[in-house]
Amino acid sequence: MDSKKNALAWPVLNFGEIKDTLETLHQWLQIVGKIRLRTMPWQNHSWHTTLYLSPHGFTTQSIPHQGGFFQIDFDFMQHQLIISCAHGASQHIALRPMTVADFYRELFGKLSDLGISVHIHGSPNELEMAIPFRENTINRSYDPQAAFTLWQAMAKIQAVFSRFRGEFIGKCSPVHLFWGAFDLAVTRFSGRPAPLHQGGVPNMPLEVMQEAYSKEVSSAGFWPGSKDFPSAIFYSYAYPADPLFGKQQVLPKAAFYSAEMGEFILKYEDVQQSKDPEGMLLNFLQSTYQAAAHTSKWNRAELERDPG
């Protein structure tokens, strides 16, 4: 395969090869995400807390601070964490094998050097084992190729998610990275209120979950996997979901409904190995949304862009 085709190909995500880096990076993202959470003005459904993809990695985008703004970027090409300020000052941290505790200490030291004072909740959210960041010496792996490959896959996915988002004229989230579960997601809204969510996510305040799901949604995303489910997947769910939602026929044939998870699932490897990854993923997004909109009786004529 020549270099041009190689650049256009969807990368293989071997969970066994990226697992240790993924777990460490997840902790680092939580720390950076919590900085954004504490410093950004509140937005509905916790959209103010999310991270985004950049041309080189992940980014907070601009964060208002003391009349100016700063930004934190993970660069998976140069393998640096970059803190940039509007007044021109910046600090860098080399991304390398180091404990979560060391990353936490070094990051807040660099912020202090820039005159940025932020106090965050010092433990992870949405994880069963919530070791305080200052004490976490377990997660310490960083393989540059693993980090780059994960970002490269998510960049491919974001392009398809963005196209899917553009076909909806109702309320819709940005394509954004939720650092709690480490998933890239996009959510469509029917415009109707939803029943009060009962919570149940580990180390997540109930009131946060209830506000996040205060409106009826059809949500889709990408999740890179975990020890308990060692496979990268795409998912799509509805809240609230009609009892007939999971019985709908969706595309592609490789997709299936998990009654345990309450969502449709498509494995990343099925998309990556297909002749048309973008088309397969778009079919999954569209057909699962249609399953939600049909069974929950959304007013699609007011919410969807005219194909013409």
Protein backbone atom coordinates (compact mmCIF):
# COMPACT_ATOMS: atom_id res chain seq x y z
CA MET A 1 0.00 0.00 0.00
CA ASP A 2 1.45 3.39 -0.98
CA SER A 3 1.71 6.28 1.48
CA LYS A 4 -1.38 8.10 0.15
CA LYS A 5 -3.59 5.00 0.51
CA ASN A 6 -2.06 4.36 3.93
CA ALA A 7 -3.03 7.85 5.09
CA LEU A 8 -6.60 7.34 3.90
CA ALA A 9 -7.04 3.90 5.49
CA TRP A 10 -8.84 3.42 8.77
CA PRO A 11 -6.28 2.16 11.30
CA VAL A 12 -6.48 -1.19 13.05
CA LEU A 13 -7.30 -0.84 16.76
CA ASN A 14 -5.87 -3.82 18.58
CA PHE A 15 -7.16 -3.45 22.14
CA GLY A 16 -4.36 -5.58 23.58
CA GLU A 17 -1.78 -3.23 22.04
CA ILE A 18 -3.41 0.05 23.11
CA LYS A 19 -4.95 -1.03 26.45
CA ASP A 20 -2.31 0.26 28.86
CA THR A 21 -1.88 3.58 27.03
CA LEU A 22 -5.67 3.94 26.77
CA GLU A 23 -6.13 3.51 30.53
CA THR A 24 -3.43 6.06 31.37
CA LEU A 25 -4.60 8.52 28.72
CA HIS A 26 -8.15 8.23 30.04
CA GLN A 27 -6.97 9.41 33.47
CA TRP A 28 -4.98 12.28 31.96
CA LEU A 29 -8.03 13.34 29.91
CA GLN A 30 -10.15 13.36 33.06
CA ILE A 31 -7.74 15.79 34.71
CA VAL A 32 -7.70 18.15 31.73
CA GLY A 33 -11.45 17.82 31.29
CA LYS A 34 -12.05 18.74 34.91
CA ILE A 35 -9.97 21.89 34.41
CA ARG A 36 -12.31 22.87 31.58
CA LEU A 37 -15.31 21.95 33.74
CA ARG A 38 -14.18 24.29 36.52
CA THR A 39 -13.30 27.24 34.30
CA MET A 40 -15.92 27.27 31.52
CA PRO A 41 -19.34 28.94 31.81
CA TRP A 42 -22.02 26.29 32.27
CA GLN A 43 -23.82 24.96 29.18
CA ASN A 44 -26.79 22.64 28.97
CA HIS A 45 -26.24 18.87 29.14
CA SER A 46 -22.67 19.46 30.41
CA TRP A 47 -21.47 20.52 26.96
CA HIS A 48 -19.11 22.99 28.64
CA THR A 49 -17.02 20.11 30.02
CA THR A 50 -16.23 18.24 26.82
CA LEU A 51 -13.02 18.01 24.82
CA TYR A 52 -12.66 18.09 21.03
CA LEU A 53 -10.50 16.65 18.29
CA SER A 54 -7.83 18.88 16.79
CA PRO A 55 -5.55 18.40 13.75
CA HIS A 56 -2.90 16.91 16.08
CA GLY A 57 -4.85 15.34 18.93
CA PHE A 58 -7.35 16.46 21.57
CA THR A 59 -8.07 19.99 22.75
CA THR A 60 -10.03 21.93 25.35
CA GLN A 61 -10.46 24.76 22.83
CA SER A 62 -10.29 28.27 24.29
CA ILE A 63 -11.14 28.63 28.00
CA PRO A 64 -11.98 32.12 29.36
CA HIS A 65 -9.71 33.20 32.24
CA GLN A 66 -9.12 36.58 33.92
CA GLY A 67 -10.10 38.65 30.91
CA GLY A 68 -8.22 36.45 28.43
CA PHE A 69 -8.18 32.76 27.67
CA PHE A 70 -5.99 29.68 27.65
CA GLN A 71 -6.10 26.32 25.92
CA ILE A 72 -4.72 22.85 26.65
CA ASP A 73 -3.83 20.53 23.76
CA PHE A 74 -2.72 16.92 23.55
CA ASP A 75 -0.42 16.71 20.51
CA PHE A 76 -0.05 13.10 19.38
CA MET A 77 2.34 13.97 16.56
CA GLN A 78 4.97 15.75 18.67
CA HIS A 79 3.78 13.93 21.82
CA GLN A 80 3.46 16.97 23.99
CA LEU A 81 0.84 18.56 26.19
CA ILE A 82 0.75 22.26 25.32
CA ILE A 83 -0.77 24.99 27.49
CA SER A 84 -1.19 28.20 25.46
CA CYS A 85 -2.29 31.60 26.74
CA ALA A 86 -3.77 34.55 24.86
CA HIS A 87 -0.98 36.84 26.07
CA GLY A 88 1.60 34.63 24.33
CA ALA A 89 3.05 32.56 27.17
CA SER A 90 3.01 28.77 26.96
CA GLN A 91 4.21 25.68 28.77
CA HIS A 92 4.89 22.16 27.50
CA ILE A 93 4.93 18.69 29.03
CA ALA A 94 6.50 15.78 27.16
CA LEU A 95 3.98 12.96 26.82
CA ARG A 96 5.88 9.91 28.00
CA PRO A 97 5.49 6.95 30.34
CA MET A 98 4.68 8.52 33.73
CA THR A 99 2.19 7.95 36.50
CA VAL A 100 -1.11 9.78 36.73
CA ALA A 101 0.20 11.30 39.97
CA ASP A 102 3.27 12.71 38.18
CA PHE A 103 1.16 14.02 35.28
CA TYR A 104 -1.21 15.71 37.75
CA ARG A 105 1.63 17.32 39.68
CA GLU A 106 3.50 18.47 36.58
CA LEU A 107 0.38 19.87 34.88
CA PHE A 108 -0.71 21.95 37.86
CA GLY A 109 2.87 23.16 38.31
CA LYS A 110 2.89 24.42 34.71
CA LEU A 111 -0.51 26.08 35.18
CA SER A 112 0.80 27.83 38.29
CA ASP A 113 3.83 29.06 36.34
CA LEU A 114 1.37 30.68 33.90
CA GLY A 115 -0.62 32.31 36.70
CA ILE A 116 -3.61 29.99 36.21
CA SER A 117 -5.19 28.85 39.48
CA VAL A 118 -7.75 26.05 39.15
CA HIS A 119 -9.08 23.66 41.79
CA ILE A 120 -10.71 20.45 40.58
CA HIS A 121 -12.42 17.45 42.13
CA GLY A 122 -9.36 15.23 42.45
CA SER A 123 -10.83 11.82 41.56
CA PRO A 124 -12.13 10.31 38.30
CA ASN A 125 -15.79 10.16 37.31
CA GLU A 126 -17.63 7.30 35.61
CA LEU A 127 -15.01 4.74 36.67
CA GLU A 128 -15.57 1.98 39.22
CA MET A 129 -12.08 2.37 40.71
CA ALA A 130 -11.76 6.09 41.42
CA ILE A 131 -8.22 6.40 42.78
CA PRO A 132 -7.44 10.08 43.52
CA PHE A 133 -5.19 11.46 40.80
CA ARG A 134 -2.52 12.50 43.30
CA GLU A 135 -2.27 8.88 44.51
CA ASN A 136 -2.54 6.98 41.23
CA THR A 137 0.81 5.32 40.56
CA ILE A 138 -0.81 2.33 38.81
CA ASN A 139 -1.52 3.85 35.40
CA ARG A 140 1.82 4.92 33.92
CA SER A 141 1.94 3.70 30.30
CA TYR A 142 2.32 5.84 27.20
CA ASP A 143 3.10 4.31 23.83
CA PRO A 144 3.32 7.10 21.22
CA GLN A 145 2.12 4.85 18.40
CA ALA A 146 -0.89 3.65 20.40
CA ALA A 147 -1.92 7.23 21.24
CA PHE A 148 -1.48 8.34 17.62
CA THR A 149 -3.43 5.36 16.24
CA LEU A 150 -6.36 5.97 18.60
CA TRP A 151 -6.49 9.66 17.60
CA GLN A 152 -6.21 8.74 13.91
CA ALA A 153 -9.21 6.41 14.21
CA MET A 154 -11.24 9.05 16.03
CA ALA A 155 -10.38 11.62 13.36
CA LYS A 156 -11.86 9.30 10.73
CA ILE A 157 -14.94 8.81 12.88
CA GLN A 158 -15.43 12.51 13.56
CA ALA A 159 -15.65 13.23 9.83
CA VAL A 160 -18.58 10.80 9.50
CA PHE A 161 -20.24 12.02 12.70
CA SER A 162 -19.99 15.61 11.44
CA ARG A 163 -21.65 14.69 8.15
CA PHE A 164 -24.42 12.90 10.06
CA ARG A 165 -24.90 15.92 12.33
CA GLY A 166 -25.28 18.24 9.35
CA GLU A 167 -28.39 16.40 8.14
CA PHE A 168 -30.37 17.37 11.25
CA ILE A 169 -31.86 20.84 11.74
CA GLY A 170 -33.29 20.30 15.22
CA LYS A 171 -31.27 20.76 18.40
CA CYS A 172 -28.09 18.69 18.16
CA SER A 173 -24.92 18.51 20.21
CA PRO A 174 -21.48 19.21 18.78
CA VAL A 175 -19.36 16.18 17.95
CA HIS A 176 -17.43 16.09 21.20
CA LEU A 177 -15.30 13.90 23.43
CA PHE A 178 -16.74 13.06 26.83
CA TRP A 179 -13.76 12.36 29.07
CA GLY A 180 -15.84 10.58 31.72
CA ALA A 181 -16.37 7.42 29.67
CA PHE A 182 -13.86 8.35 26.93
CA ASP A 183 -16.39 8.36 24.10
CA LEU A 184 -16.76 10.54 21.02
CA ALA A 185 -20.46 11.33 20.71
CA VAL A 186 -23.17 13.25 18.87
CA THR A 187 -26.73 13.60 20.18
CA ARG A 188 -29.96 14.60 18.45
CA PHE A 189 -32.94 15.98 20.40
CA SER A 190 -36.65 15.65 19.61
CA GLY A 191 -37.49 18.89 21.44
CA ARG A 192 -39.70 17.11 23.99
CA PRO A 193 -39.01 16.69 27.73
CA ALA A 194 -37.90 13.29 29.01
CA PRO A 195 -38.82 11.44 32.22
CA LEU A 196 -36.50 11.92 35.19
CA HIS A 197 -33.36 9.81 34.75
CA GLN A 198 -32.65 7.33 37.54
CA GLY A 199 -28.85 7.62 37.35
CA GLY A 200 -26.66 4.60 38.00
CA VAL A 201 -23.36 5.70 36.42
CA PRO A 202 -20.42 5.09 38.80
CA ASN A 203 -19.06 8.21 40.54
CA MET A 204 -21.45 10.52 38.73
CA PRO A 205 -23.77 12.89 40.63
CA LEU A 206 -27.45 12.07 40.06
CA GLU A 207 -28.34 15.70 39.32
CA VAL A 208 -25.77 15.79 36.50
CA MET A 209 -27.29 12.71 34.87
CA GLN A 210 -30.82 14.06 35.27
CA GLU A 211 -29.96 17.37 33.61
CA ALA A 212 -28.03 15.62 30.83
CA TYR A 213 -31.09 13.48 30.02
CA SER A 214 -33.76 16.09 30.71
CA LYS A 215 -34.78 16.04 27.02
CA GLU A 216 -35.66 13.19 24.69
CA VAL A 217 -32.60 12.07 22.71
CA SER A 218 -31.17 9.77 20.09
CA SER A 219 -27.45 9.52 20.78
CA ALA A 220 -24.61 7.78 18.98
CA GLY A 221 -20.93 7.48 19.67
CA PHE A 222 -17.63 5.65 19.55
CA TRP A 223 -16.04 3.98 22.57
CA PRO A 224 -12.53 2.43 22.46
CA GLY A 225 -13.24 -0.41 24.90
CA SER A 226 -12.16 -1.49 28.37
CA LYS A 227 -10.80 -4.52 30.24
CA ASP A 228 -14.34 -5.79 30.73
CA PHE A 229 -15.23 -5.28 27.05
CA PRO A 230 -11.94 -5.39 25.11
CA SER A 231 -13.26 -4.19 21.77
CA ALA A 232 -13.78 -0.76 20.23
CA ILE A 233 -17.42 -0.18 19.26
CA PHE A 234 -19.95 2.24 17.87
CA TYR A 235 -23.19 2.54 19.82
CA SER A 236 -26.59 4.14 19.40
CA TYR A 237 -29.38 4.46 21.96
CA ALA A 238 -32.56 6.39 22.66
CA TYR A 239 -33.74 7.97 25.90
CA PRO A 240 -36.44 7.26 26.72
CA ALA A 241 -36.53 4.16 24.51
CA ASP A 242 -39.80 2.70 23.28
CA PRO A 243 -40.09 -1.09 23.96
CA LEU A 244 -40.02 -1.65 20.19
CA PHE A 245 -36.76 0.28 19.67
CA GLY A 246 -34.47 -2.74 20.05
CA LYS A 247 -36.62 -4.83 17.69
CA GLN A 248 -36.09 -2.51 14.71
CA GLN A 249 -34.08 -3.62 11.70
CA VAL A 250 -30.94 -1.52 11.32
CA LEU A 251 -27.90 -1.42 9.05
CA PRO A 252 -25.40 -2.93 8.50
CA LYS A 253 -26.09 -6.63 9.09
CA ALA A 254 -23.15 -6.75 11.50
CA ALA A 255 -24.94 -4.39 13.91
CA PHE A 256 -26.89 -5.91 16.79
CA TYR A 257 -28.98 -4.83 19.76
CA SER A 258 -27.68 -5.45 23.29
CA ALA A 259 -30.59 -5.80 25.70
CA GLU A 260 -28.12 -5.58 28.59
CA MET A 261 -26.74 -2.23 27.41
CA GLY A 262 -30.01 -0.98 25.91
CA GLU A 263 -28.34 0.10 22.68
CA PHE A 264 -27.41 -0.96 19.18
CA ILE A 265 -23.75 -1.89 18.75
CA LEU A 266 -21.44 -2.12 15.74
CA LYS A 267 -17.86 -3.25 16.22
CA TYR A 268 -15.16 -0.88 15.00
CA GLU A 269 -13.29 -3.74 13.34
CA ASP A 270 -16.31 -4.49 11.11
CA VAL A 271 -16.26 -0.89 9.90
CA GLN A 272 -12.48 -0.73 9.58
CA GLN A 273 -12.36 -3.93 7.49
CA SER A 274 -15.22 -3.02 5.16
CA LYS A 275 -14.77 -1.78 1.60
CA ASP A 276 -16.59 1.45 2.50
CA PRO A 277 -16.06 2.30 6.20
CA GLU A 278 -17.62 5.75 5.93
CA GLY A 279 -20.72 4.42 4.18
CA MET A 280 -21.15 1.55 6.64
CA LEU A 281 -20.86 3.83 9.65
CA LEU A 282 -23.23 6.42 8.16
CA ASN A 283 -25.80 3.68 7.52
CA PHE A 284 -25.53 2.62 11.16
CA LEU A 285 -26.00 6.18 12.41
CA GLN A 286 -28.94 6.90 10.13
CA SER A 287 -30.80 3.63 10.58
CA THR A 288 -30.49 3.59 14.38
CA TYR A 289 -31.65 7.21 14.55
CA GLN A 290 -34.60 6.29 12.33
CA ALA A 291 -35.40 3.40 14.68
CA ALA A 292 -35.51 5.83 17.62
CA ALA A 293 -37.45 8.53 15.76
CA HIS A 294 -39.98 6.05 14.39
CA THR A 295 -40.71 4.18 17.61
CA SER A 296 -40.79 7.34 19.74
CA LYS A 297 -42.85 9.23 17.12
CA TRP A 298 -40.54 12.21 16.59
CA ASN A 299 -41.80 14.99 14.31
CA ARG A 300 -39.22 14.25 11.66
CA ALA A 301 -40.58 16.73 9.11
CA GLU A 302 -39.57 19.59 11.43
CA LEU A 303 -36.25 18.09 12.50
CA GLU A 304 -34.56 16.77 9.36
CA ARG A 305 -33.02 18.60 6.44
CA ASP A 306 -34.76 18.21 3.07
CA PRO A 307 -32.51 15.84 1.06
CA GLY A 308 -32.99 18.13 -1.94
